[in-house]
């Protein structure tokens, strides 16, 4: 199942066609994607039996919104790919390094982001979406807690992120538009190997980040187990799982986003999201 959001309404996407979930279910299922995630097993089972004729809405993938527009909790993980830890000057961590992106930064897959003053960097990431309340789950059962996977960008303003001793990450990761996601949420059963997907970040068409998600130090099930050991994970929560090597502030010389740039983030089997930028306002 590939869940999308079109004009604020949840749809099932198949190729370039979609089915409006509320309409196709004759009102039995809600149109709000957040409400659907509260009843995800029923939604998934219903979608599995959807006939081809139900897909009657032509859909331009660039018109889709965030598949999970109003998450209650957004978790993010630092230094989860060994080459990225190395380029940042750290040894791979023994425990997941967790921060948050505040939910107000979450946006859809094709957006224009107003650059704040400072140094804005890119981080392509696989995002796991929680499908039911999950607390103290073991890693071998953790995939059962995942509604689906989507593409995310952990846009980061490095000055705000790294100021202070010790530095605190969350504000620098949460400017408006700094959490683009999409284009769709894809259920784990759609993948041959959900733990091994190619992940690529392109800047103006040139690949600056490329790896496979099997390279993660803490894969999706391990992250869910570690997070749920501390607190309940709720339907629709997002887990940004970390970025591969190739971020701008570790280039020589460092490279940051400008109004001339186009950023594309792509994950095998899910699709791509794309961001353009406007220049910072000077006060």
C-alpha atoms as a PDB file:
ATOM      1  CA  UNK A   1       0.000   0.000   0.000  1.00  0.00           C
ATOM      2  CA  UNK A   2       1.177   3.478  -0.864  1.00  0.00           C
ATOM      3  CA  UNK A   3      -0.598   6.169   1.184  1.00  0.00           C
ATOM      4  CA  UNK A   4      -0.589   9.720  -0.125  1.00  0.00           C
ATOM      5  CA  UNK A   5      -2.317  12.961   0.786  1.00  0.00           C
ATOM      6  CA  UNK A   6      -3.964  14.994  -1.968  1.00  0.00           C
ATOM      7  CA  UNK A   7      -5.645  18.308  -1.113  1.00  0.00           C
ATOM      8  CA  UNK A   8      -5.630  17.281   2.547  1.00  0.00           C
ATOM      9  CA  UNK A   9      -7.382  13.954   1.883  1.00  0.00           C
ATOM     10  CA  UNK A  10      -5.845  10.512   2.259  1.00  0.00           C
ATOM     11  CA  UNK A  11      -5.530   8.488  -0.949  1.00  0.00           C
ATOM     12  CA  UNK A  12      -4.112   5.140  -1.969  1.00  0.00           C
ATOM     13  CA  UNK A  13      -1.659   5.693  -4.820  1.00  0.00           C
ATOM     14  CA  UNK A  14      -1.011   3.243  -7.647  1.00  0.00           C
ATOM     15  CA  UNK A  15       1.242   4.565 -10.392  1.00  0.00           C
ATOM     16  CA  UNK A  16      -0.218   7.854 -11.582  1.00  0.00           C
ATOM     17  CA  UNK A  17      -3.713   7.110 -10.253  1.00  0.00           C
ATOM     18  CA  UNK A  18      -5.188   7.335  -6.772  1.00  0.00           C
ATOM     19  CA  UNK A  19      -8.284   6.267  -4.868  1.00  0.00           C
ATOM     20  CA  UNK A  20      -9.840   8.595  -2.288  1.00  0.00           C
ATOM     21  CA  UNK A  21     -10.018   6.415   0.837  1.00  0.00           C
ATOM     22  CA  UNK A  22     -13.115   8.046   2.351  1.00  0.00           C
ATOM     23  CA  UNK A  23     -15.031   7.946  -0.919  1.00  0.00           C
ATOM     24  CA  UNK A  24     -13.915   4.470  -1.971  1.00  0.00           C
ATOM     25  CA  UNK A  25     -14.839   3.059   1.455  1.00  0.00           C
ATOM     26  CA  UNK A  26     -18.284   4.713   1.167  1.00  0.00           C
ATOM     27  CA  UNK A  27     -17.591   6.766   4.258  1.00  0.00           C
ATOM     28  CA  UNK A  28     -16.470   3.871   6.463  1.00  0.00           C
ATOM     29  CA  UNK A  29     -12.922   5.226   6.698  1.00  0.00           C
ATOM     30  CA  UNK A  30     -11.986   8.847   7.442  1.00  0.00           C
ATOM     31  CA  UNK A  31     -10.303  11.183   4.970  1.00  0.00           C
ATOM     32  CA  UNK A  32      -7.799  12.496   7.550  1.00  0.00           C
ATOM     33  CA  UNK A  33      -4.505  10.553   7.338  1.00  0.00           C
ATOM     34  CA  UNK A  34      -3.872  11.021  11.053  1.00  0.00           C
ATOM     35  CA  UNK A  35      -7.213   9.381  11.882  1.00  0.00           C
ATOM     36  CA  UNK A  36      -6.405   6.529   9.501  1.00  0.00           C
ATOM     37  CA  UNK A  37      -3.132   5.856  11.311  1.00  0.00           C
ATOM     38  CA  UNK A  38      -5.096   5.380  14.536  1.00  0.00           C
ATOM     39  CA  UNK A  39      -6.819   2.401  12.867  1.00  0.00           C
ATOM     40  CA  UNK A  40      -3.998   1.308  10.597  1.00  0.00           C
ATOM     41  CA  UNK A  41      -4.413  -2.499  10.499  1.00  0.00           C
ATOM     42  CA  UNK A  42      -8.029  -2.107   9.322  1.00  0.00           C
ATOM     43  CA  UNK A  43      -7.004   0.471   6.709  1.00  0.00           C
ATOM     44  CA  UNK A  44      -4.221  -1.743   5.389  1.00  0.00           C
ATOM     45  CA  UNK A  45      -6.516  -4.779   5.136  1.00  0.00           C
ATOM     46  CA  UNK A  46      -9.190  -2.728   3.368  1.00  0.00           C
ATOM     47  CA  UNK A  47      -6.711  -1.326   0.842  1.00  0.00           C
ATOM     48  CA  UNK A  48      -5.460  -4.824  -0.001  1.00  0.00           C
ATOM     49  CA  UNK A  49      -8.889  -5.632  -1.444  1.00  0.00           C
ATOM     50  CA  UNK A  50      -9.337  -2.416  -3.388  1.00  0.00           C
ATOM     51  CA  UNK A  51     -10.306  -3.141  -7.029  1.00  0.00           C
ATOM     52  CA  UNK A  52      -8.420  -1.454  -9.858  1.00  0.00           C
ATOM     53  CA  UNK A  53     -11.502   0.501 -10.923  1.00  0.00           C
ATOM     54  CA  UNK A  54     -11.413   2.359  -7.591  1.00  0.00           C
ATOM     55  CA  UNK A  55      -8.265   4.164  -8.747  1.00  0.00           C
ATOM     56  CA  UNK A  56     -10.013   6.948 -10.634  1.00  0.00           C
ATOM     57  CA  UNK A  57      -8.139  10.129  -9.678  1.00  0.00           C
ATOM     58  CA  UNK A  58      -5.215  11.202 -11.891  1.00  0.00           C
ATOM     59  CA  UNK A  59      -2.435  12.232  -9.522  1.00  0.00           C
ATOM     60  CA  UNK A  60       0.592  14.404 -10.117  1.00  0.00           C
ATOM     61  CA  UNK A  61       3.139  13.248  -7.543  1.00  0.00           C
ATOM     62  CA  UNK A  62       4.378  16.823  -7.182  1.00  0.00           C
ATOM     63  CA  UNK A  63       0.916  17.794  -5.854  1.00  0.00           C
ATOM     64  CA  UNK A  64       1.012  15.408  -2.893  1.00  0.00           C
ATOM     65  CA  UNK A  65       1.265  16.719   0.665  1.00  0.00           C
ATOM     66  CA  UNK A  66       3.040  15.260   3.684  1.00  0.00           C
ATOM     67  CA  UNK A  67       1.766  11.682   4.157  1.00  0.00           C
ATOM     68  CA  UNK A  68       1.810  12.266   7.933  1.00  0.00           C
ATOM     69  CA  UNK A  69       1.012  15.974   8.254  1.00  0.00           C
ATOM     70  CA  UNK A  70       0.586  16.315  12.034  1.00  0.00           C
ATOM     71  CA  UNK A  71       2.803  13.864  13.948  1.00  0.00           C
ATOM     72  CA  UNK A  72       2.743  14.157  17.724  1.00  0.00           C
ATOM     73  CA  UNK A  73       6.368  13.068  18.148  1.00  0.00           C
ATOM     74  CA  UNK A  74       9.284  13.347  15.729  1.00  0.00           C
ATOM     75  CA  UNK A  75      12.440  11.474  16.671  1.00  0.00           C
ATOM     76  CA  UNK A  76      15.744  11.865  14.840  1.00  0.00           C
ATOM     77  CA  UNK A  77      19.006   9.960  15.108  1.00  0.00           C
ATOM     78  CA  UNK A  78      22.513  11.370  14.733  1.00  0.00           C
ATOM     79  CA  UNK A  79      25.583   9.571  13.362  1.00  0.00           C
ATOM     80  CA  UNK A  80      23.763   6.369  12.363  1.00  0.00           C
ATOM     81  CA  UNK A  81      25.924   5.572   9.298  1.00  0.00           C
ATOM     82  CA  UNK A  82      29.611   4.803  10.012  1.00  0.00           C
ATOM     83  CA  UNK A  83      31.005   6.933   7.126  1.00  0.00           C
ATOM     84  CA  UNK A  84      28.974   9.945   8.316  1.00  0.00           C
ATOM     85  CA  UNK A  85      30.235   9.462  11.880  1.00  0.00           C
ATOM     86  CA  UNK A  86      33.772   9.315  10.492  1.00  0.00           C
ATOM     87  CA  UNK A  87      33.427  12.468   8.367  1.00  0.00           C
ATOM     88  CA  UNK A  88      32.060  14.281  11.431  1.00  0.00           C
ATOM     89  CA  UNK A  89      35.113  13.213  13.443  1.00  0.00           C
ATOM     90  CA  UNK A  90      33.387  10.711  15.751  1.00  0.00           C
ATOM     91  CA  UNK A  91      33.653   7.010  16.412  1.00  0.00           C
ATOM     92  CA  UNK A  92      30.393   5.118  15.766  1.00  0.00           C
ATOM     93  CA  UNK A  93      28.184   5.480  18.857  1.00  0.00           C
ATOM     94  CA  UNK A  94      27.344   2.591  21.194  1.00  0.00           C
ATOM     95  CA  UNK A  95      23.846   3.940  21.806  1.00  0.00           C
ATOM     96  CA  UNK A  96      21.510   5.812  19.423  1.00  0.00           C
ATOM     97  CA  UNK A  97      22.036   9.575  19.648  1.00  0.00           C
ATOM     98  CA  UNK A  98      18.482  10.923  19.677  1.00  0.00           C
ATOM     99  CA  UNK A  99      17.129  14.450  19.263  1.00  0.00           C
ATOM    100  CA  UNK A 100      13.838  15.844  17.987  1.00  0.00           C
ATOM    101  CA  UNK A 101      12.681  17.895  15.076  1.00  0.00           C
ATOM    102  CA  UNK A 102       9.714  19.870  16.351  1.00  0.00           C
ATOM    103  CA  UNK A 103       6.548  18.816  14.461  1.00  0.00           C
ATOM    104  CA  UNK A 104       5.828  22.325  13.121  1.00  0.00           C
ATOM    105  CA  UNK A 105       8.712  21.883  10.639  1.00  0.00           C
ATOM    106  CA  UNK A 106       7.088  18.909   8.873  1.00  0.00           C
ATOM    107  CA  UNK A 107       6.005  19.654   5.300  1.00  0.00           C
ATOM    108  CA  UNK A 108       5.229  17.845   2.078  1.00  0.00           C
ATOM    109  CA  UNK A 109       7.523  16.451  -0.585  1.00  0.00           C
ATOM    110  CA  UNK A 110       7.754  19.333  -3.080  1.00  0.00           C
ATOM    111  CA  UNK A 111       8.320  22.654  -1.341  1.00  0.00           C
ATOM    112  CA  UNK A 112      10.144  25.952  -1.372  1.00  0.00           C
ATOM    113  CA  UNK A 113      12.006  26.607   1.863  1.00  0.00           C
ATOM    114  CA  UNK A 114      12.889  30.103   3.082  1.00  0.00           C
ATOM    115  CA  UNK A 115      16.512  29.904   4.179  1.00  0.00           C
ATOM    116  CA  UNK A 116      17.085  31.440   7.613  1.00  0.00           C
ATOM    117  CA  UNK A 117      20.311  33.355   8.243  1.00  0.00           C
ATOM    118  CA  UNK A 118      23.208  31.017   8.929  1.00  0.00           C
ATOM    119  CA  UNK A 119      24.485  27.848   7.292  1.00  0.00           C
ATOM    120  CA  UNK A 120      21.769  25.499   6.052  1.00  0.00           C
ATOM    121  CA  UNK A 121      22.826  21.929   5.279  1.00  0.00           C
ATOM    122  CA  UNK A 122      21.170  18.811   3.835  1.00  0.00           C
ATOM    123  CA  UNK A 123      20.690  15.310   5.290  1.00  0.00           C
ATOM    124  CA  UNK A 124      18.677  12.762   3.283  1.00  0.00           C
ATOM    125  CA  UNK A 125      17.030  10.199   5.576  1.00  0.00           C
ATOM    126  CA  UNK A 126      14.753   7.183   5.628  1.00  0.00           C
ATOM    127  CA  UNK A 127      11.774   7.958   7.861  1.00  0.00           C
ATOM    128  CA  UNK A 128       9.838   5.219   9.652  1.00  0.00           C
ATOM    129  CA  UNK A 129       6.201   5.938  10.560  1.00  0.00           C
ATOM    130  CA  UNK A 130       4.677   4.257  13.612  1.00  0.00           C
ATOM    131  CA  UNK A 131       1.409   2.393  12.971  1.00  0.00           C
ATOM    132  CA  UNK A 132       0.122   1.629  16.467  1.00  0.00           C
ATOM    133  CA  UNK A 133       0.941   2.525  20.057  1.00  0.00           C
ATOM    134  CA  UNK A 134       4.177   0.742  20.879  1.00  0.00           C
ATOM    135  CA  UNK A 135       5.881   0.451  24.245  1.00  0.00           C
ATOM    136  CA  UNK A 136       8.815  -1.758  25.238  1.00  0.00           C
ATOM    137  CA  UNK A 137       8.801  -3.829  22.057  1.00  0.00           C
ATOM    138  CA  UNK A 138      11.640  -6.196  21.209  1.00  0.00           C
ATOM    139  CA  UNK A 139      13.619  -5.567  18.030  1.00  0.00           C
ATOM    140  CA  UNK A 140      12.483  -8.882  16.521  1.00  0.00           C
ATOM    141  CA  UNK A 141       8.867  -7.652  16.708  1.00  0.00           C
ATOM    142  CA  UNK A 142       9.508  -4.005  15.902  1.00  0.00           C
ATOM    143  CA  UNK A 143       8.683  -4.112  12.169  1.00  0.00           C
ATOM    144  CA  UNK A 144       5.113  -4.931  13.229  1.00  0.00           C
ATOM    145  CA  UNK A 145       4.929  -1.426  14.747  1.00  0.00           C
ATOM    146  CA  UNK A 146       5.819   0.285  11.454  1.00  0.00           C
ATOM    147  CA  UNK A 147       2.939   1.611   9.329  1.00  0.00           C
ATOM    148  CA  UNK A 148       5.337   2.420   6.520  1.00  0.00           C
ATOM    149  CA  UNK A 149       8.463   4.139   5.280  1.00  0.00           C
ATOM    150  CA  UNK A 150       8.862   7.499   3.590  1.00  0.00           C
ATOM    151  CA  UNK A 151      11.616   9.850   2.426  1.00  0.00           C
ATOM    152  CA  UNK A 152      12.712  12.749   4.615  1.00  0.00           C
ATOM    153  CA  UNK A 153      15.176  15.610   4.670  1.00  0.00           C
ATOM    154  CA  UNK A 154      16.668  16.629   8.012  1.00  0.00           C
ATOM    155  CA  UNK A 155      17.476  20.188   6.920  1.00  0.00           C
ATOM    156  CA  UNK A 156      19.845  21.687   9.461  1.00  0.00           C
ATOM    157  CA  UNK A 157      20.974  25.233  10.187  1.00  0.00           C
ATOM    158  CA  UNK A 158      24.413  24.490  11.587  1.00  0.00           C
ATOM    159  CA  UNK A 159      25.045  27.735  13.498  1.00  0.00           C
ATOM    160  CA  UNK A 160      21.932  27.327  15.657  1.00  0.00           C
ATOM    161  CA  UNK A 161      22.425  23.573  15.889  1.00  0.00           C
ATOM    162  CA  UNK A 162      25.973  23.768  17.226  1.00  0.00           C
ATOM    163  CA  UNK A 163      25.841  26.860  19.417  1.00  0.00           C
ATOM    164  CA  UNK A 164      26.244  26.467  23.162  1.00  0.00           C
ATOM    165  CA  UNK A 165      28.267  24.080  25.288  1.00  0.00           C
ATOM    166  CA  UNK A 166      27.018  21.421  25.101  1.00  0.00           C
ATOM    167  CA  UNK A 167      25.316  22.052  21.782  1.00  0.00           C
ATOM    168  CA  UNK A 168      21.615  21.241  21.477  1.00  0.00           C
ATOM    169  CA  UNK A 169      20.362  20.167  18.076  1.00  0.00           C
ATOM    170  CA  UNK A 170      16.597  20.523  17.981  1.00  0.00           C
ATOM    171  CA  UNK A 171      16.048  24.231  17.281  1.00  0.00           C
ATOM    172  CA  UNK A 172      18.536  24.283  14.415  1.00  0.00           C
ATOM    173  CA  UNK A 173      16.699  21.324  12.884  1.00  0.00           C
ATOM    174  CA  UNK A 174      13.214  22.846  13.148  1.00  0.00           C
ATOM    175  CA  UNK A 175      12.957  26.079  11.152  1.00  0.00           C
ATOM    176  CA  UNK A 176       9.814  26.276   8.972  1.00  0.00           C
ATOM    177  CA  UNK A 177       9.995  23.739   6.164  1.00  0.00           C
ATOM    178  CA  UNK A 178      12.970  21.868   7.643  1.00  0.00           C
ATOM    179  CA  UNK A 179      11.156  18.490   7.762  1.00  0.00           C
ATOM    180  CA  UNK A 180       9.969  17.711   4.228  1.00  0.00           C
ATOM    181  CA  UNK A 181       8.596  14.175   3.865  1.00  0.00           C
ATOM    182  CA  UNK A 182       6.941  12.036   1.220  1.00  0.00           C
ATOM    183  CA  UNK A 183       5.996  11.567  -1.493  1.00  0.00           C
ATOM    184  CA  UNK A 184       4.057   8.612  -0.059  1.00  0.00           C
ATOM    185  CA  UNK A 185       4.092   6.263   2.912  1.00  0.00           C
ATOM    186  CA  UNK A 186       4.925   2.743   1.700  1.00  0.00           C
ATOM    187  CA  UNK A 187       4.005  -0.270   3.819  1.00  0.00           C
ATOM    188  CA  UNK A 188       6.898  -2.646   4.646  1.00  0.00           C
ATOM    189  CA  UNK A 189       5.340  -5.533   2.701  1.00  0.00           C
ATOM    190  CA  UNK A 190       5.886  -3.580  -0.545  1.00  0.00           C
ATOM    191  CA  UNK A 191       9.669  -4.081  -0.240  1.00  0.00           C
ATOM    192  CA  UNK A 192      11.655  -7.244  -0.904  1.00  0.00           C
ATOM    193  CA  UNK A 193      14.141  -6.159   1.761  1.00  0.00           C
ATOM    194  CA  UNK A 194      12.925  -3.175   3.823  1.00  0.00           C
ATOM    195  CA  UNK A 195      16.225  -3.130   5.736  1.00  0.00           C
ATOM    196  CA  UNK A 196      18.292  -2.633   2.561  1.00  0.00           C
ATOM    197  CA  UNK A 197      17.229   0.300   0.375  1.00  0.00           C
ATOM    198  CA  UNK A 198      19.409   2.596  -1.722  1.00  0.00           C
ATOM    199  CA  UNK A 199      19.334   6.156  -0.360  1.00  0.00           C
ATOM    200  CA  UNK A 200      20.565   9.100  -2.438  1.00  0.00           C
ATOM    201  CA  UNK A 201      20.795  12.856  -2.010  1.00  0.00           C
ATOM    202  CA  UNK A 202      21.347  15.048  -5.063  1.00  0.00           C
ATOM    203  CA  UNK A 203      22.285  18.719  -5.151  1.00  0.00           C
ATOM    204  CA  UNK A 204      21.479  20.335  -8.499  1.00  0.00           C
ATOM    205  CA  UNK A 205      21.399  16.863 -10.047  1.00  0.00           C
ATOM    206  CA  UNK A 206      24.775  15.741  -8.675  1.00  0.00           C
ATOM    207  CA  UNK A 207      24.812  12.900  -6.134  1.00  0.00           C
ATOM    208  CA  UNK A 208      26.346  14.178  -2.900  1.00  0.00           C
ATOM    209  CA  UNK A 209      25.064  11.371  -0.638  1.00  0.00           C
ATOM    210  CA  UNK A 210      24.639   7.699  -1.525  1.00  0.00           C
ATOM    211  CA  UNK A 211      24.511   4.575   0.607  1.00  0.00           C
ATOM    212  CA  UNK A 212      22.231   1.680   1.486  1.00  0.00           C
ATOM    213  CA  UNK A 213      20.110   1.596   4.621  1.00  0.00           C
ATOM    214  CA  UNK A 214      21.664  -1.746   5.592  1.00  0.00           C
ATOM    215  CA  UNK A 215      24.710   0.356   6.521  1.00  0.00           C
ATOM    216  CA  UNK A 216      22.886   1.836   9.532  1.00  0.00           C
ATOM    217  CA  UNK A 217      24.523   1.204  12.887  1.00  0.00           C
ATOM    218  CA  UNK A 218      21.057   0.922  14.438  1.00  0.00           C
ATOM    219  CA  UNK A 219      18.533  -0.343  11.856  1.00  0.00           C
ATOM    220  CA  UNK A 220      14.846   0.512  12.017  1.00  0.00           C
ATOM    221  CA  UNK A 221      13.819  -2.351  14.356  1.00  0.00           C
ATOM    222  CA  UNK A 222      16.649  -1.584  16.761  1.00  0.00           C
ATOM    223  CA  UNK A 223      15.751   2.110  16.845  1.00  0.00           C
ATOM    224  CA  UNK A 224      12.108   1.345  17.577  1.00  0.00           C
ATOM    225  CA  UNK A 225      13.097  -1.060  20.341  1.00  0.00           C
ATOM    226  CA  UNK A 226      15.466   1.483  21.922  1.00  0.00           C
ATOM    227  CA  UNK A 227      12.988   4.368  21.702  1.00  0.00           C
ATOM    228  CA  UNK A 228      10.021   2.345  22.935  1.00  0.00           C
ATOM    229  CA  UNK A 229      12.077   1.135  25.899  1.00  0.00           C
ATOM    230  CA  UNK A 230      11.854   4.698  27.210  1.00  0.00           C
ATOM    231  CA  UNK A 231       8.444   6.009  26.140  1.00  0.00           C
ATOM    232  CA  UNK A 232       5.351   4.977  24.182  1.00  0.00           C
ATOM    233  CA  UNK A 233       5.508   5.553  20.438  1.00  0.00           C
ATOM    234  CA  UNK A 234       2.192   6.763  19.035  1.00  0.00           C
ATOM    235  CA  UNK A 235       0.429   6.221  15.690  1.00  0.00           C
ATOM    236  CA  UNK A 236       1.861   8.648  13.149  1.00  0.00           C
ATOM    237  CA  UNK A 237       5.089   9.331  15.037  1.00  0.00           C
ATOM    238  CA  UNK A 238       8.060   9.858  12.713  1.00  0.00           C
ATOM    239  CA  UNK A 239      11.529   8.395  13.211  1.00  0.00           C
ATOM    240  CA  UNK A 240      14.207  10.073  11.060  1.00  0.00           C
ATOM    241  CA  UNK A 241      16.794   7.296  11.015  1.00  0.00           C
ATOM    242  CA  UNK A 242      19.998   9.190  10.232  1.00  0.00           C
ATOM    243  CA  UNK A 243      21.919  10.348   7.183  1.00  0.00           C
ATOM    244  CA  UNK A 244      24.782   8.896   5.122  1.00  0.00           C
ATOM    245  CA  UNK A 245      28.093  10.651   4.515  1.00  0.00           C
ATOM    246  CA  UNK A 246      28.236  13.638   2.181  1.00  0.00           C
ATOM    247  CA  UNK A 247      26.734  16.540   4.103  1.00  0.00           C
ATOM    248  CA  UNK A 248      27.818  20.045   3.188  1.00  0.00           C
ATOM    249  CA  UNK A 249      29.521  21.140   6.392  1.00  0.00           C
ATOM    250  CA  UNK A 250      32.046  18.294   6.085  1.00  0.00           C
ATOM    251  CA  UNK A 251      33.080  19.210   2.536  1.00  0.00           C
ATOM    252  CA  UNK A 252      36.364  21.023   1.909  1.00  0.00           C
ATOM    253  CA  UNK A 253      35.546  23.847   1.670  1.00  0.00           C
ATOM    254  CA  UNK A 254      32.125  23.555   3.381  1.00  0.00           C
ATOM    255  CA  UNK A 255      29.112  23.940   1.099  1.00  0.00           C
ATOM    256  CA  UNK A 256      25.749  25.249   2.266  1.00  0.00           C
ATOM    257  CA  UNK A 257      22.396  25.684   0.545  1.00  0.00           C
ATOM    258  CA  UNK A 258      21.634  28.852  -1.413  1.00  0.00           C
ATOM    259  CA  UNK A 259      18.619  30.209  -3.263  1.00  0.00           C
ATOM    260  CA  UNK A 260      20.107  28.871  -6.512  1.00  0.00           C
ATOM    261  CA  UNK A 261      19.993  25.237  -5.346  1.00  0.00           C
ATOM    262  CA  UNK A 262      17.613  22.355  -5.902  1.00  0.00           C
ATOM    263  CA  UNK A 263      17.814  19.443  -3.472  1.00  0.00           C
ATOM    264  CA  UNK A 264      16.466  16.006  -4.383  1.00  0.00           C
ATOM    265  CA  UNK A 265      16.190  13.178  -1.852  1.00  0.00           C
ATOM    266  CA  UNK A 266      15.484   9.703  -3.193  1.00  0.00           C
ATOM    267  CA  UNK A 267      14.971   6.251  -1.672  1.00  0.00           C
ATOM    268  CA  UNK A 268      14.566   3.028  -3.612  1.00  0.00           C
ATOM    269  CA  UNK A 269      10.979   1.776  -3.696  1.00  0.00           C
ATOM    270  CA  UNK A 270       9.508   4.963  -2.207  1.00  0.00           C
ATOM    271  CA  UNK A 271      10.268   7.837  -4.567  1.00  0.00           C
ATOM    272  CA  UNK A 272      11.766  11.273  -4.228  1.00  0.00           C
ATOM    273  CA  UNK A 273      11.147  14.638  -2.639  1.00  0.00           C
ATOM    274  CA  UNK A 274      12.453  17.935  -3.965  1.00  0.00           C
ATOM    275  CA  UNK A 275      13.189  21.289  -2.341  1.00  0.00           C
ATOM    276  CA  UNK A 276      14.001  24.700  -3.747  1.00  0.00           C
ATOM    277  CA  UNK A 277      15.068  27.649  -1.609  1.00  0.00           C
ATOM    278  CA  UNK A 278      14.641  31.378  -1.223  1.00  0.00           C
ATOM    279  CA  UNK A 279      17.323  33.700   0.111  1.00  0.00           C
ATOM    280  CA  UNK A 280      17.439  34.687   3.785  1.00  0.00           C
ATOM    281  CA  UNK A 281      15.774  37.941   4.729  1.00  0.00           C
ATOM    282  CA  UNK A 282      18.145  40.566   6.129  1.00  0.00           C
ATOM    283  CA  UNK A 283      16.754  42.713   8.901  1.00  0.00           C
END
